[in-house]
């Protein structure tokens, strides 16, 4: 797994290339933690992440530390397996803010129905 990063003013886009699991989680956490404080939006682009296990849920839903600036976090370009995992997690735990995390994906899914 590797990732690419692009920062546009106050938005950071991290594109994951490969699986998200417990082996890759520390690297991805470090990437997010190392963003400059002026970044207020983080977009995880998962177009090339075809597999995600529970570690991906930790990455996307864990609360930032007190030292970290607050950031709006969203996910884009989900492959079918990571999307199924997120939907299952939301079904299991309705308190998860899936609509906040996946606004574009959920809107497109609702239009397809």
PDB file of N, CA and C in Angstrom:
ATOM      1  N   UNK A   1       0.841  -1.162   0.000  1.00  0.00           N
ATOM      2  CA  UNK A   1       0.000   0.000   0.000  1.00  0.00           C
ATOM      3  C   UNK A   1       0.891   1.230   0.000  1.00  0.00           C
ATOM      4  N   UNK A   2       0.463   2.196  -0.758  1.00  0.00           N
ATOM      5  CA  UNK A   2       1.054   3.520  -0.690  1.00  0.00           C
ATOM      6  C   UNK A   2      -0.068   4.521  -0.885  1.00  0.00           C
ATOM      7  N   UNK A   3       0.230   5.785  -0.659  1.00  0.00           N
ATOM      8  CA  UNK A   3      -0.792   6.805  -0.843  1.00  0.00           C
ATOM      9  C   UNK A   3      -0.172   8.014  -1.528  1.00  0.00           C
ATOM     10  N   UNK A   4      -1.024   8.791  -2.162  1.00  0.00           N
ATOM     11  CA  UNK A   4      -0.609  10.065  -2.718  1.00  0.00           C
ATOM     12  C   UNK A   4      -1.445  11.135  -2.037  1.00  0.00           C
ATOM     13  N   UNK A   5      -0.871  12.329  -1.944  1.00  0.00           N
ATOM     14  CA  UNK A   5      -1.549  13.410  -1.243  1.00  0.00           C
ATOM     15  C   UNK A   5      -1.492  14.681  -2.080  1.00  0.00           C
ATOM     16  N   UNK A   6      -2.603  15.401  -2.060  1.00  0.00           N
ATOM     17  CA  UNK A   6      -2.672  16.706  -2.717  1.00  0.00           C
ATOM     18  C   UNK A   6      -3.349  17.660  -1.745  1.00  0.00           C
ATOM     19  N   UNK A   7      -2.745  18.827  -1.562  1.00  0.00           N
ATOM     20  CA  UNK A   7      -3.342  19.835  -0.697  1.00  0.00           C
ATOM     21  C   UNK A   7      -3.699  21.038  -1.560  1.00  0.00           C
ATOM     22  N   UNK A   8      -4.977  21.402  -1.533  1.00  0.00           N
ATOM     23  CA  UNK A   8      -5.489  22.576  -2.239  1.00  0.00           C
ATOM     24  C   UNK A   8      -6.014  23.544  -1.192  1.00  0.00           C
ATOM     25  N   UNK A   9      -5.232  24.552  -0.881  1.00  0.00           N
ATOM     26  CA  UNK A   9      -5.613  25.554   0.118  1.00  0.00           C
ATOM     27  C   UNK A   9      -5.922  24.877   1.453  1.00  0.00           C
ATOM     28  N   UNK A  10      -7.205  24.777   1.823  1.00  0.00           N
ATOM     29  CA  UNK A  10      -7.558  24.200   3.122  1.00  0.00           C
ATOM     30  C   UNK A  10      -8.074  22.765   3.031  1.00  0.00           C
ATOM     31  N   UNK A  11      -7.990  22.157   1.853  1.00  0.00           N
ATOM     32  CA  UNK A  11      -8.472  20.777   1.675  1.00  0.00           C
ATOM     33  C   UNK A  11      -7.312  19.854   1.300  1.00  0.00           C
ATOM     34  N   UNK A  12      -7.254  18.721   1.968  1.00  0.00           N
ATOM     35  CA  UNK A  12      -6.264  17.698   1.649  1.00  0.00           C
ATOM     36  C   UNK A  12      -6.989  16.495   1.064  1.00  0.00           C
ATOM     37  N   UNK A  13      -6.425  15.936   0.002  1.00  0.00           N
ATOM     38  CA  UNK A  13      -6.969  14.739  -0.646  1.00  0.00           C
ATOM     39  C   UNK A  13      -5.902  13.653  -0.537  1.00  0.00           C
ATOM     40  N   UNK A  14      -6.219  12.603   0.193  1.00  0.00           N
ATOM     41  CA  UNK A  14      -5.294  11.475   0.322  1.00  0.00           C
ATOM     42  C   UNK A  14      -5.894  10.309  -0.451  1.00  0.00           C
ATOM     43  N   UNK A  15      -5.179   9.856  -1.476  1.00  0.00           N
ATOM     44  CA  UNK A  15      -5.624   8.731  -2.293  1.00  0.00           C
ATOM     45  C   UNK A  15      -4.853   7.493  -1.860  1.00  0.00           C
ATOM     46  N   UNK A  16      -5.582   6.483  -1.432  1.00  0.00           N
ATOM     47  CA  UNK A  16      -4.973   5.235  -0.967  1.00  0.00           C
ATOM     48  C   UNK A  16      -4.883   4.279  -2.144  1.00  0.00           C
ATOM     49  N   UNK A  17      -3.699   3.713  -2.346  1.00  0.00           N
ATOM     50  CA  UNK A  17      -3.453   2.742  -3.415  1.00  0.00           C
ATOM     51  C   UNK A  17      -3.103   1.410  -2.750  1.00  0.00           C
ATOM     52  N   UNK A  18      -4.091   0.537  -2.644  1.00  0.00           N
ATOM     53  CA  UNK A  18      -3.870  -0.757  -2.010  1.00  0.00           C
ATOM     54  C   UNK A  18      -4.854  -0.970  -0.879  1.00  0.00           C
ATOM     55  N   UNK A  19      -4.629  -2.022  -0.109  1.00  0.00           N
ATOM     56  CA  UNK A  19      -5.551  -2.404   0.952  1.00  0.00           C
ATOM     57  C   UNK A  19      -5.394  -1.525   2.187  1.00  0.00           C
ATOM     58  N   UNK A  20      -6.506  -1.351   2.900  1.00  0.00           N
ATOM     59  CA  UNK A  20      -6.476  -0.685   4.197  1.00  0.00           C
ATOM     60  C   UNK A  20      -6.713  -1.768   5.238  1.00  0.00           C
ATOM     61  N   UNK A  21      -5.683  -2.031   6.038  1.00  0.00           N
ATOM     62  CA  UNK A  21      -5.771  -3.043   7.078  1.00  0.00           C
ATOM     63  C   UNK A  21      -4.900  -2.593   8.253  1.00  0.00           C
ATOM     64  N   UNK A  22      -4.751  -3.466   9.255  1.00  0.00           N
ATOM     65  CA  UNK A  22      -3.993  -3.069  10.433  1.00  0.00           C
ATOM     66  C   UNK A  22      -2.510  -2.845  10.135  1.00  0.00           C
ATOM     67  N   UNK A  23      -1.986  -3.420   9.066  1.00  0.00           N
ATOM     68  CA  UNK A  23      -0.594  -3.167   8.702  1.00  0.00           C
ATOM     69  C   UNK A  23      -0.406  -1.779   8.097  1.00  0.00           C
ATOM     70  N   UNK A  24      -1.407  -1.293   7.394  1.00  0.00           N
ATOM     71  CA  UNK A  24      -1.290   0.007   6.723  1.00  0.00           C
ATOM     72  C   UNK A  24      -1.883   1.148   7.547  1.00  0.00           C
ATOM     73  N   UNK A  25      -2.664   0.829   8.569  1.00  0.00           N
ATOM     74  CA  UNK A  25      -3.330   1.845   9.377  1.00  0.00           C
ATOM     75  C   UNK A  25      -2.360   2.872   9.974  1.00  0.00           C
ATOM     76  N   UNK A  26      -1.236   2.472  10.586  1.00  0.00           N
ATOM     77  CA  UNK A  26      -0.341   3.480  11.171  1.00  0.00           C
ATOM     78  C   UNK A  26       0.178   4.490  10.140  1.00  0.00           C
ATOM     79  N   UNK A  27       0.479   4.028   8.943  1.00  0.00           N
ATOM     80  CA  UNK A  27       0.977   4.931   7.899  1.00  0.00           C
ATOM     81  C   UNK A  27      -0.093   5.952   7.513  1.00  0.00           C
ATOM     82  N   UNK A  28      -1.328   5.498   7.367  1.00  0.00           N
ATOM     83  CA  UNK A  28      -2.408   6.404   6.987  1.00  0.00           C
ATOM     84  C   UNK A  28      -2.750   7.374   8.116  1.00  0.00           C
ATOM     85  N   UNK A  29      -2.732   6.885   9.348  1.00  0.00           N
ATOM     86  CA  UNK A  29      -2.953   7.784  10.493  1.00  0.00           C
ATOM     87  C   UNK A  29      -1.880   8.863  10.536  1.00  0.00           C
ATOM     88  N   UNK A  30      -0.637   8.471  10.298  1.00  0.00           N
ATOM     89  CA  UNK A  30       0.463   9.450  10.315  1.00  0.00           C
ATOM     90  C   UNK A  30       0.299  10.490   9.224  1.00  0.00           C
ATOM     91  N   UNK A  31      -0.154  10.061   8.062  1.00  0.00           N
ATOM     92  CA  UNK A  31      -0.373  11.010   6.959  1.00  0.00           C
ATOM     93  C   UNK A  31      -1.403  12.058   7.356  1.00  0.00           C
ATOM     94  N   UNK A  32      -2.505  11.615   7.950  1.00  0.00           N
ATOM     95  CA  UNK A  32      -3.552  12.555   8.367  1.00  0.00           C
ATOM     96  C   UNK A  32      -3.066  13.442   9.513  1.00  0.00           C
ATOM     97  N   UNK A  33      -2.354  12.858  10.458  1.00  0.00           N
ATOM     98  CA  UNK A  33      -1.865  13.632  11.604  1.00  0.00           C
ATOM     99  C   UNK A  33      -0.824  14.667  11.193  1.00  0.00           C
ATOM    100  N   UNK A  34      -0.104  14.404  10.108  1.00  0.00           N
ATOM    101  CA  UNK A  34       0.943  15.311   9.669  1.00  0.00           C
ATOM    102  C   UNK A  34       0.471  16.459   8.785  1.00  0.00           C
ATOM    103  N   UNK A  35      -0.820  16.551   8.562  1.00  0.00           N
ATOM    104  CA  UNK A  35      -1.335  17.643   7.730  1.00  0.00           C
ATOM    105  C   UNK A  35      -1.142  18.984   8.440  1.00  0.00           C
ATOM    106  N   UNK A  36      -0.915  20.043   7.679  1.00  0.00           N
ATOM    107  CA  UNK A  36      -0.766  21.360   8.295  1.00  0.00           C
ATOM    108  C   UNK A  36      -2.042  21.791   9.016  1.00  0.00           C
ATOM    109  N   UNK A  37      -1.918  22.609  10.038  1.00  0.00           N
ATOM    110  CA  UNK A  37      -3.091  23.010  10.813  1.00  0.00           C
ATOM    111  C   UNK A  37      -4.134  23.797  10.016  1.00  0.00           C
ATOM    112  N   UNK A  38      -3.726  24.443   8.926  1.00  0.00           N
ATOM    113  CA  UNK A  38      -4.697  25.204   8.131  1.00  0.00           C
ATOM    114  C   UNK A  38      -5.601  24.319   7.283  1.00  0.00           C
ATOM    115  N   UNK A  39      -5.318  23.022   7.210  1.00  0.00           N
ATOM    116  CA  UNK A  39      -6.183  22.085   6.480  1.00  0.00           C
ATOM    117  C   UNK A  39      -7.412  21.803   7.335  1.00  0.00           C
ATOM    118  N   UNK A  40      -8.576  22.174   6.834  1.00  0.00           N
ATOM    119  CA  UNK A  40      -9.825  22.004   7.573  1.00  0.00           C
ATOM    120  C   UNK A  40     -10.725  20.926   6.979  1.00  0.00           C
ATOM    121  N   UNK A  41     -10.321  20.382   5.824  1.00  0.00           N
ATOM    122  CA  UNK A  41     -11.106  19.324   5.183  1.00  0.00           C
ATOM    123  C   UNK A  41     -10.168  18.225   4.706  1.00  0.00           C
ATOM    124  N   UNK A  42     -10.513  16.988   5.035  1.00  0.00           N
ATOM    125  CA  UNK A  42      -9.737  15.829   4.610  1.00  0.00           C
ATOM    126  C   UNK A  42     -10.631  14.912   3.802  1.00  0.00           C
ATOM    127  N   UNK A  43     -10.228  14.629   2.571  1.00  0.00           N
ATOM    128  CA  UNK A  43     -10.966  13.717   1.699  1.00  0.00           C
ATOM    129  C   UNK A  43     -10.114  12.467   1.501  1.00  0.00           C
ATOM    130  N   UNK A  44     -10.636  11.332   1.921  1.00  0.00           N
ATOM    131  CA  UNK A  44      -9.990  10.050   1.653  1.00  0.00           C
ATOM    132  C   UNK A  44     -10.541   9.544   0.327  1.00  0.00           C
ATOM    133  N   UNK A  45      -9.706   9.500  -0.687  1.00  0.00           N
ATOM    134  CA  UNK A  45     -10.097   9.000  -2.005  1.00  0.00           C
ATOM    135  C   UNK A  45      -9.726   7.528  -2.054  1.00  0.00           C
ATOM    136  N   UNK A  46     -10.726   6.657  -2.119  1.00  0.00           N
ATOM    137  CA  UNK A  46     -10.484   5.209  -2.041  1.00  0.00           C
ATOM    138  C   UNK A  46     -10.683   4.501  -3.369  1.00  0.00           C
ATOM    139  N   UNK A  47     -10.501   5.213  -4.474  1.00  0.00           N
ATOM    140  CA  UNK A  47     -10.694   4.612  -5.798  1.00  0.00           C
ATOM    141  C   UNK A  47      -9.794   3.395  -6.026  1.00  0.00           C
ATOM    142  N   UNK A  48      -8.610   3.398  -5.449  1.00  0.00           N
ATOM    143  CA  UNK A  48      -7.671   2.287  -5.633  1.00  0.00           C
ATOM    144  C   UNK A  48      -7.557   1.398  -4.397  1.00  0.00           C
ATOM    145  N   UNK A  49      -8.453   1.566  -3.446  1.00  0.00           N
ATOM    146  CA  UNK A  49      -8.492   0.713  -2.253  1.00  0.00           C
ATOM    147  C   UNK A  49      -9.648  -0.266  -2.436  1.00  0.00           C
ATOM    148  N   UNK A  50      -9.364  -1.406  -2.991  1.00  0.00           N
ATOM    149  CA  UNK A  50     -10.407  -2.387  -3.291  1.00  0.00           C
ATOM    150  C   UNK A  50     -10.814  -3.214  -2.081  1.00  0.00           C
ATOM    151  N   UNK A  51      -9.993  -3.185  -1.016  1.00  0.00           N
ATOM    152  CA  UNK A  51     -10.306  -3.945   0.194  1.00  0.00           C
ATOM    153  C   UNK A  51     -10.016  -3.083   1.412  1.00  0.00           C
ATOM    154  N   UNK A  52     -10.925  -3.160   2.391  1.00  0.00           N
ATOM    155  CA  UNK A  52     -10.751  -2.457   3.654  1.00  0.00           C
ATOM    156  C   UNK A  52     -11.317  -3.343   4.744  1.00  0.00           C
ATOM    157  N   UNK A  53     -10.542  -3.549   5.816  1.00  0.00           N
ATOM    158  CA  UNK A  53     -11.080  -4.315   6.930  1.00  0.00           C
ATOM    159  C   UNK A  53     -11.449  -3.350   8.055  1.00  0.00           C
ATOM    160  N   UNK A  54     -11.642  -3.862   9.246  1.00  0.00           N
ATOM    161  CA  UNK A  54     -12.069  -3.049  10.384  1.00  0.00           C
ATOM    162  C   UNK A  54     -11.110  -1.890  10.649  1.00  0.00           C
ATOM    163  N   UNK A  55      -9.862  -2.031  10.281  1.00  0.00           N
ATOM    164  CA  UNK A  55      -8.896  -0.935  10.454  1.00  0.00           C
ATOM    165  C   UNK A  55      -9.354   0.309   9.703  1.00  0.00           C
ATOM    166  N   UNK A  56      -9.986   0.127   8.558  1.00  0.00           N
ATOM    167  CA  UNK A  56     -10.503   1.269   7.808  1.00  0.00           C
ATOM    168  C   UNK A  56     -11.593   1.996   8.566  1.00  0.00           C
ATOM    169  N   UNK A  57     -12.406   1.252   9.311  1.00  0.00           N
ATOM    170  CA  UNK A  57     -13.430   1.888  10.132  1.00  0.00           C
ATOM    171  C   UNK A  57     -12.789   2.749  11.214  1.00  0.00           C
ATOM    172  N   UNK A  58     -11.731   2.219  11.815  1.00  0.00           N
ATOM    173  CA  UNK A  58     -11.003   2.999  12.823  1.00  0.00           C
ATOM    174  C   UNK A  58     -10.440   4.273  12.202  1.00  0.00           C
ATOM    175  N   UNK A  59      -9.861   4.158  11.041  1.00  0.00           N
ATOM    176  CA  UNK A  59      -9.274   5.309  10.363  1.00  0.00           C
ATOM    177  C   UNK A  59     -10.323   6.387  10.087  1.00  0.00           C
ATOM    178  N   UNK A  60     -11.475   5.989   9.600  1.00  0.00           N
ATOM    179  CA  UNK A  60     -12.479   6.943   9.150  1.00  0.00           C
ATOM    180  C   UNK A  60     -13.358   7.495  10.268  1.00  0.00           C
ATOM    181  N   UNK A  61     -13.546   6.735  11.348  1.00  0.00           N
ATOM    182  CA  UNK A  61     -14.487   7.159  12.379  1.00  0.00           C
ATOM    183  C   UNK A  61     -13.856   7.570  13.705  1.00  0.00           C
ATOM    184  N   UNK A  62     -12.567   7.329  13.910  1.00  0.00           N
ATOM    185  CA  UNK A  62     -12.009   7.676  15.209  1.00  0.00           C
ATOM    186  C   UNK A  62     -11.950   9.189  15.385  1.00  0.00           C
ATOM    187  N   UNK A  63     -12.101   9.599  16.606  1.00  0.00           N
ATOM    188  CA  UNK A  63     -12.076  11.021  16.935  1.00  0.00           C
ATOM    189  C   UNK A  63     -10.624  11.502  16.971  1.00  0.00           C
ATOM    190  N   UNK A  64     -10.353  12.689  16.422  1.00  0.00           N
ATOM    191  CA  UNK A  64      -8.995  13.215  16.462  1.00  0.00           C
ATOM    192  C   UNK A  64      -8.583  13.534  17.902  1.00  0.00           C
ATOM    193  N   UNK A  65      -7.289  13.562  18.121  1.00  0.00           N
ATOM    194  CA  UNK A  65      -6.789  13.882  19.452  1.00  0.00           C
ATOM    195  C   UNK A  65      -7.043  15.356  19.763  1.00  0.00           C
ATOM    196  N   UNK A  66      -6.897  15.716  21.022  1.00  0.00           N
ATOM    197  CA  UNK A  66      -7.122  17.098  21.454  1.00  0.00           C
ATOM    198  C   UNK A  66      -6.168  18.072  20.761  1.00  0.00           C
ATOM    199  N   UNK A  67      -4.971  17.601  20.416  1.00  0.00           N
ATOM    200  CA  UNK A  67      -3.979  18.466  19.774  1.00  0.00           C
ATOM    201  C   UNK A  67      -4.295  18.722  18.299  1.00  0.00           C
ATOM    202  N   UNK A  68      -5.069  17.840  17.691  1.00  0.00           N
ATOM    203  CA  UNK A  68      -5.374  17.960  16.266  1.00  0.00           C
ATOM    204  C   UNK A  68      -6.450  19.011  16.032  1.00  0.00           C
ATOM    205  N   UNK A  69      -6.283  19.798  14.959  1.00  0.00           N
ATOM    206  CA  UNK A  69      -7.355  20.749  14.639  1.00  0.00           C
ATOM    207  C   UNK A  69      -8.578  19.995  14.117  1.00  0.00           C
ATOM    208  N   UNK A  70      -9.780  20.528  14.353  1.00  0.00           N
ATOM    209  CA  UNK A  70     -10.980  19.847  13.833  1.00  0.00           C
ATOM    210  C   UNK A  70     -10.993  19.894  12.305  1.00  0.00           C
ATOM    211  N   UNK A  71     -11.356  18.772  11.690  1.00  0.00           N
ATOM    212  CA  UNK A  71     -11.410  18.674  10.227  1.00  0.00           C
ATOM    213  C   UNK A  71     -12.679  17.968   9.800  1.00  0.00           C
ATOM    214  N   UNK A  72     -13.258  18.454   8.731  1.00  0.00           N
ATOM    215  CA  UNK A  72     -14.369  17.748   8.093  1.00  0.00           C
ATOM    216  C   UNK A  72     -13.749  16.613   7.288  1.00  0.00           C
ATOM    217  N   UNK A  73     -14.186  15.398   7.540  1.00  0.00           N
ATOM    218  CA  UNK A  73     -13.637  14.238   6.854  1.00  0.00           C
ATOM    219  C   UNK A  73     -14.718  13.608   5.993  1.00  0.00           C
ATOM    220  N   UNK A  74     -14.373  13.355   4.726  1.00  0.00           N
ATOM    221  CA  UNK A  74     -15.282  12.663   3.816  1.00  0.00           C
ATOM    222  C   UNK A  74     -14.508  11.586   3.062  1.00  0.00           C
ATOM    223  N   UNK A  75     -15.274  10.707   2.413  1.00  0.00           N
ATOM    224  CA  UNK A  75     -14.693   9.624   1.625  1.00  0.00           C
ATOM    225  C   UNK A  75     -15.294   9.699   0.229  1.00  0.00           C
ATOM    226  N   UNK A  76     -14.467   9.472  -0.781  1.00  0.00           N
ATOM    227  CA  UNK A  76     -14.965   9.480  -2.156  1.00  0.00           C
ATOM    228  C   UNK A  76     -14.485   8.250  -2.904  1.00  0.00           C
ATOM    229  N   UNK A  77     -15.177   7.945  -3.992  1.00  0.00           N
ATOM    230  CA  UNK A  77     -14.782   6.888  -4.932  1.00  0.00           C
ATOM    231  C   UNK A  77     -14.639   5.519  -4.283  1.00  0.00           C
ATOM    232  N   UNK A  78     -15.636   5.128  -3.508  1.00  0.00           N
ATOM    233  CA  UNK A  78     -15.579   3.842  -2.825  1.00  0.00           C
ATOM    234  C   UNK A  78     -15.796   2.676  -3.784  1.00  0.00           C
ATOM    235  N   UNK A  79     -14.951   1.668  -3.645  1.00  0.00           N
ATOM    236  CA  UNK A  79     -15.146   0.404  -4.352  1.00  0.00           C
ATOM    237  C   UNK A  79     -16.260  -0.361  -3.627  1.00  0.00           C
ATOM    238  N   UNK A  80     -16.836  -1.379  -4.254  1.00  0.00           N
ATOM    239  CA  UNK A  80     -17.965  -2.092  -3.643  1.00  0.00           C
ATOM    240  C   UNK A  80     -17.676  -2.686  -2.255  1.00  0.00           C
ATOM    241  N   UNK A  81     -16.538  -3.329  -2.053  1.00  0.00           N
ATOM    242  CA  UNK A  81     -16.284  -3.973  -0.761  1.00  0.00           C
ATOM    243  C   UNK A  81     -16.164  -2.953   0.373  1.00  0.00           C
ATOM    244  N   UNK A  82     -15.366  -1.883   0.243  1.00  0.00           N
ATOM    245  CA  UNK A  82     -15.335  -0.897   1.329  1.00  0.00           C
ATOM    246  C   UNK A  82     -16.702  -0.249   1.581  1.00  0.00           C
ATOM    247  N   UNK A  83     -17.468  -0.012   0.533  1.00  0.00           N
ATOM    248  CA  UNK A  83     -18.799   0.560   0.709  1.00  0.00           C
ATOM    249  C   UNK A  83     -19.687  -0.396   1.499  1.00  0.00           C
ATOM    250  N   UNK A  84     -19.651  -1.690   1.165  1.00  0.00           N
ATOM    251  CA  UNK A  84     -20.449  -2.680   1.909  1.00  0.00           C
ATOM    252  C   UNK A  84     -20.059  -2.697   3.381  1.00  0.00           C
ATOM    253  N   UNK A  85     -18.749  -2.616   3.655  1.00  0.00           N
ATOM    254  CA  UNK A  85     -18.283  -2.614   5.043  1.00  0.00           C
ATOM    255  C   UNK A  85     -18.819  -1.388   5.788  1.00  0.00           C
ATOM    256  N   UNK A  86     -18.768  -0.220   5.167  1.00  0.00           N
ATOM    257  CA  UNK A  86     -19.270   0.991   5.815  1.00  0.00           C
ATOM    258  C   UNK A  86     -20.777   0.916   6.038  1.00  0.00           C
ATOM    259  N   UNK A  87     -21.519   0.400   5.074  1.00  0.00           N
ATOM    260  CA  UNK A  87     -22.971   0.264   5.235  1.00  0.00           C
ATOM    261  C   UNK A  87     -23.314  -0.734   6.340  1.00  0.00           C
ATOM    262  N   UNK A  88     -22.564  -1.828   6.425  1.00  0.00           N
ATOM    263  CA  UNK A  88     -22.774  -2.808   7.489  1.00  0.00           C
ATOM    264  C   UNK A  88     -22.468  -2.192   8.852  1.00  0.00           C
ATOM    265  N   UNK A  89     -21.390  -1.412   8.927  1.00  0.00           N
ATOM    266  CA  UNK A  89     -21.040  -0.749  10.189  1.00  0.00           C
ATOM    267  C   UNK A  89     -22.137   0.215  10.615  1.00  0.00           C
ATOM    268  N   UNK A  90     -22.703   0.945   9.669  1.00  0.00           N
ATOM    269  CA  UNK A  90     -23.775   1.886   9.987  1.00  0.00           C
ATOM    270  C   UNK A  90     -25.048   1.158  10.397  1.00  0.00           C
ATOM    271  N   UNK A  91     -25.298   0.008   9.792  1.00  0.00           N
ATOM    272  CA  UNK A  91     -26.467  -0.788  10.162  1.00  0.00           C
ATOM    273  C   UNK A  91     -26.316  -1.335  11.575  1.00  0.00           C
ATOM    274  N   UNK A  92     -25.101  -1.744  11.910  1.00  0.00           N
ATOM    275  CA  UNK A  92     -24.804  -2.287  13.230  1.00  0.00           C
ATOM    276  C   UNK A  92     -24.802  -1.198  14.292  1.00  0.00           C
ATOM    277  N   UNK A  93     -24.304  -0.013  13.914  1.00  0.00           N
ATOM    278  CA  UNK A  93     -24.203   1.101  14.846  1.00  0.00           C
ATOM    279  C   UNK A  93     -24.804   2.350  14.196  1.00  0.00           C
ATOM    280  N   UNK A  94     -26.101   2.566  14.360  1.00  0.00           N
ATOM    281  CA  UNK A  94     -26.762   3.702  13.703  1.00  0.00           C
ATOM    282  C   UNK A  94     -26.214   5.068  14.122  1.00  0.00           C
ATOM    283  N   UNK A  95     -25.463   5.130  15.208  1.00  0.00           N
ATOM    284  CA  UNK A  95     -24.905   6.414  15.656  1.00  0.00           C
ATOM    285  C   UNK A  95     -23.768   6.899  14.753  1.00  0.00           C
ATOM    286  N   UNK A  96     -23.226   6.021  13.916  1.00  0.00           N
ATOM    287  CA  UNK A  96     -22.166   6.445  13.000  1.00  0.00           C
ATOM    288  C   UNK A  96     -22.730   7.470  12.025  1.00  0.00           C
ATOM    289  N   UNK A  97     -21.985   8.508  11.781  1.00  0.00           N
ATOM    290  CA  UNK A  97     -22.438   9.585  10.902  1.00  0.00           C
ATOM    291  C   UNK A  97     -22.052   9.289   9.462  1.00  0.00           C
ATOM    292  N   UNK A  98     -22.700   8.296   8.883  1.00  0.00           N
ATOM    293  CA  UNK A  98     -22.379   7.871   7.531  1.00  0.00           C
ATOM    294  C   UNK A  98     -22.711   8.943   6.496  1.00  0.00           C
ATOM    295  N   UNK A  99     -23.796   9.651   6.678  1.00  0.00           N
ATOM    296  CA  UNK A  99     -24.174  10.697   5.726  1.00  0.00           C
ATOM    297  C   UNK A  99     -23.133  11.809   5.679  1.00  0.00           C
ATOM    298  N   UNK A 100     -22.512  12.102   6.812  1.00  0.00           N
ATOM    299  CA  UNK A 100     -21.459  13.115   6.853  1.00  0.00           C
ATOM    300  C   UNK A 100     -20.207  12.614   6.138  1.00  0.00           C
ATOM    301  N   UNK A 101     -19.890  11.356   6.319  1.00  0.00           N
ATOM    302  CA  UNK A 101     -18.670  10.782   5.762  1.00  0.00           C
ATOM    303  C   UNK A 101     -18.790  10.521   4.262  1.00  0.00           C
ATOM    304  N   UNK A 102     -19.969  10.149   3.808  1.00  0.00           N
ATOM    305  CA  UNK A 102     -20.178   9.732   2.414  1.00  0.00           C
ATOM    306  C   UNK A 102     -21.250  10.549   1.694  1.00  0.00           C
ATOM    307  N   UNK A 103     -21.244  11.846   1.754  1.00  0.00           N
ATOM    308  CA  UNK A 103     -22.361  12.596   1.168  1.00  0.00           C
ATOM    309  C   UNK A 103     -22.559  12.331  -0.328  1.00  0.00           C
ATOM    310  N   UNK A 104     -21.500  12.288  -1.113  1.00  0.00           N
ATOM    311  CA  UNK A 104     -21.620  12.069  -2.550  1.00  0.00           C
ATOM    312  C   UNK A 104     -22.055  10.637  -2.868  1.00  0.00           C
ATOM    313  N   UNK A 105     -21.490   9.679  -2.164  1.00  0.00           N
ATOM    314  CA  UNK A 105     -21.792   8.275  -2.409  1.00  0.00           C
ATOM    315  C   UNK A 105     -23.246   7.972  -2.081  1.00  0.00           C
ATOM    316  N   UNK A 106     -23.731   8.446  -0.956  1.00  0.00           N
ATOM    317  CA  UNK A 106     -25.112   8.174  -0.578  1.00  0.00           C
ATOM    318  C   UNK A 106     -26.086   8.860  -1.511  1.00  0.00           C
ATOM    319  N   UNK A 107     -25.778  10.063  -1.940  1.00  0.00           N
ATOM    320  CA  UNK A 107     -26.663  10.758  -2.890  1.00  0.00           C
ATOM    321  C   UNK A 107     -26.750   9.983  -4.199  1.00  0.00           C
ATOM    322  N   UNK A 108     -25.616   9.490  -4.694  1.00  0.00           N
ATOM    323  CA  UNK A 108     -25.615   8.723  -5.944  1.00  0.00           C
ATOM    324  C   UNK A 108     -26.362   7.400  -5.775  1.00  0.00           C
ATOM    325  N   UNK A 109     -26.202   6.745  -4.613  1.00  0.00           N
ATOM    326  CA  UNK A 109     -26.891   5.490  -4.351  1.00  0.00           C
ATOM    327  C   UNK A 109     -28.400   5.706  -4.316  1.00  0.00           C
ATOM    328  N   UNK A 110     -28.839   6.793  -3.724  1.00  0.00           N
ATOM    329  CA  UNK A 110     -30.271   7.070  -3.645  1.00  0.00           C
ATOM    330  C   UNK A 110     -30.837   7.382  -5.025  1.00  0.00           C
ATOM    331  N   UNK A 111     -30.062   8.009  -5.888  1.00  0.00           N
ATOM    332  CA  UNK A 111     -30.529   8.305  -7.234  1.00  0.00           C
ATOM    333  C   UNK A 111     -30.654   7.041  -8.070  1.00  0.00           C
ATOM    334  N   UNK A 112     -29.798   6.049  -7.798  1.00  0.00           N
ATOM    335  CA  UNK A 112     -29.823   4.787  -8.552  1.00  0.00           C
ATOM    336  C   UNK A 112     -31.050   3.943  -8.209  1.00  0.00           C
ATOM    337  N   UNK A 113     -31.643   4.153  -7.051  1.00  0.00           N
ATOM    338  CA  UNK A 113     -32.757   3.299  -6.610  1.00  0.00           C
ATOM    339  C   UNK A 113     -34.044   3.646  -7.301  1.00  0.00           C
TER     340      UNK A 113
END
